[in-house]
Amino acid sequence: MDRKKHTFHDFQSGTAITIRFVSSHQSIGFGGKLKDGVVDFYYPDGVTMEKRKQTLVSSLIQLFQIEKSQIEVITGSGDMALVTMLGITSEAVNKKFFN
């Protein structure tokens, strides 16, 4: 039996963070950091999930000085989302959010 060897192509490293969207009429941007590693992101009242994600991506681009193509927002349940960032280490995320 001939077995094919699986290989990965264009494998890149990165990190992921969990975001909790919090509606606010005063603040926009990153806020509280919870003990379990979740980061709060404040957005304007009445904004759609698509607009929340766009605002989040813009904020991450500014914070980490990366390209939009390096970010992927995966919407979870309710107001939670998982964000992956290619080319960013977990140490860089910890420095920005948890120090």
Protein backbone atom coordinates (compact mmCIF):
# COMPACT_ATOMS: atom_id res chain seq x y z
CA MET A 1 0.00 0.00 0.00
CA ASP A 2 1.42 3.37 -1.03
CA ARG A 3 1.10 5.99 1.72
CA LYS A 4 1.23 9.64 0.84
CA LYS A 5 3.23 11.83 3.15
CA HIS A 6 1.32 14.90 4.28
CA THR A 7 3.26 18.15 4.18
CA PHE A 8 2.30 21.65 5.21
CA HIS A 9 2.92 24.50 2.84
CA ASP A 10 3.49 28.14 3.73
CA PHE A 11 3.18 27.42 7.45
CA GLN A 12 3.35 30.60 9.50
CA SER A 13 3.47 31.16 13.23
CA GLY A 14 1.28 33.46 15.23
CA THR A 15 -0.93 33.70 18.24
CA ALA A 16 -4.59 33.85 19.17
CA ILE A 17 -6.52 35.91 21.71
CA THR A 18 -10.07 35.76 22.96
CA ILE A 19 -12.03 39.01 22.76
CA ARG A 20 -15.21 39.87 24.62
CA PHE A 21 -17.20 42.64 22.91
CA VAL A 22 -18.64 45.12 25.42
CA SER A 23 -21.20 47.74 24.35
CA SER A 24 -20.36 51.26 25.54
CA HIS A 25 -21.64 54.76 24.91
CA GLN A 26 -18.35 56.35 26.06
CA SER A 27 -15.38 54.14 25.16
CA ILE A 28 -14.10 52.53 21.98
CA GLY A 29 -11.10 50.21 22.07
CA PHE A 30 -9.39 47.78 24.41
CA GLY A 31 -10.35 47.74 28.05
CA GLY A 32 -10.21 45.21 30.85
CA LYS A 33 -8.08 42.11 30.82
CA LEU A 34 -9.61 39.20 32.69
CA LYS A 35 -7.65 36.63 34.70
CA ASP A 36 -8.57 33.89 32.24
CA GLY A 37 -6.86 35.79 29.40
CA VAL A 38 -9.96 37.30 27.78
CA VAL A 39 -9.53 40.90 26.59
CA ASP A 40 -12.47 43.30 26.62
CA PHE A 41 -13.07 45.40 23.51
CA TYR A 42 -15.49 48.32 23.83
CA TYR A 43 -17.58 49.31 20.82
CA PRO A 44 -20.31 51.95 20.25
CA ASP A 45 -23.88 51.08 21.20
CA GLY A 46 -26.07 49.75 18.38
CA VAL A 47 -23.25 48.62 16.07
CA THR A 48 -23.54 45.42 14.02
CA MET A 49 -21.18 42.48 14.55
CA GLU A 50 -19.54 43.20 11.19
CA LYS A 51 -18.75 46.78 12.24
CA ARG A 52 -17.44 45.54 15.62
CA LYS A 53 -15.03 43.24 13.82
CA GLN A 54 -13.88 46.04 11.49
CA THR A 55 -13.23 48.34 14.47
CA LEU A 56 -11.37 45.55 16.29
CA VAL A 57 -9.16 44.83 13.27
CA SER A 58 -8.32 48.53 12.87
CA SER A 59 -7.36 48.72 16.55
CA LEU A 60 -5.15 45.61 16.30
CA ILE A 61 -3.42 47.00 13.19
CA GLN A 62 -2.53 50.17 15.10
CA LEU A 63 -1.53 48.39 18.31
CA PHE A 64 0.72 45.74 16.76
CA GLN A 65 1.78 47.60 13.57
CA ILE A 66 0.71 44.70 11.33
CA GLU A 67 -1.18 44.29 8.08
CA LYS A 68 -4.89 43.51 7.83
CA SER A 69 -4.04 40.26 6.03
CA GLN A 70 -2.30 39.01 9.20
CA ILE A 71 -5.53 39.15 11.24
CA GLU A 72 -8.51 36.84 11.22
CA VAL A 73 -11.53 37.32 13.48
CA ILE A 74 -13.51 34.17 14.15
CA THR A 75 -16.82 35.02 15.78
CA GLY A 76 -17.75 32.77 18.65
CA SER A 77 -20.97 32.60 20.59
CA GLY A 78 -22.69 35.81 21.65
CA ASP A 79 -20.23 38.60 22.26
CA MET A 80 -17.07 36.48 22.19
CA ALA A 81 -14.59 36.16 19.34
CA LEU A 82 -11.32 34.39 18.71
CA VAL A 83 -8.70 36.47 16.90
CA THR A 84 -5.64 34.99 15.21
CA MET A 85 -2.66 37.13 14.29
CA LEU A 86 0.10 35.80 12.04
CA GLY A 87 3.65 36.88 12.76
CA ILE A 88 2.89 38.00 16.32
CA THR A 89 4.30 36.08 19.27
CA SER A 90 2.44 35.31 22.46
CA GLU A 91 5.12 37.34 24.28
CA ALA A 92 4.21 40.43 22.23
CA VAL A 93 0.52 39.98 23.09
CA ASN A 94 1.30 39.52 26.78
CA LYS A 95 3.44 42.66 26.75
CA LYS A 96 0.68 44.78 25.18
CA PHE A 97 -2.24 43.46 27.22
CA PHE A 98 -1.04 41.89 30.46
CA ASN A 99 1.98 43.89 31.70
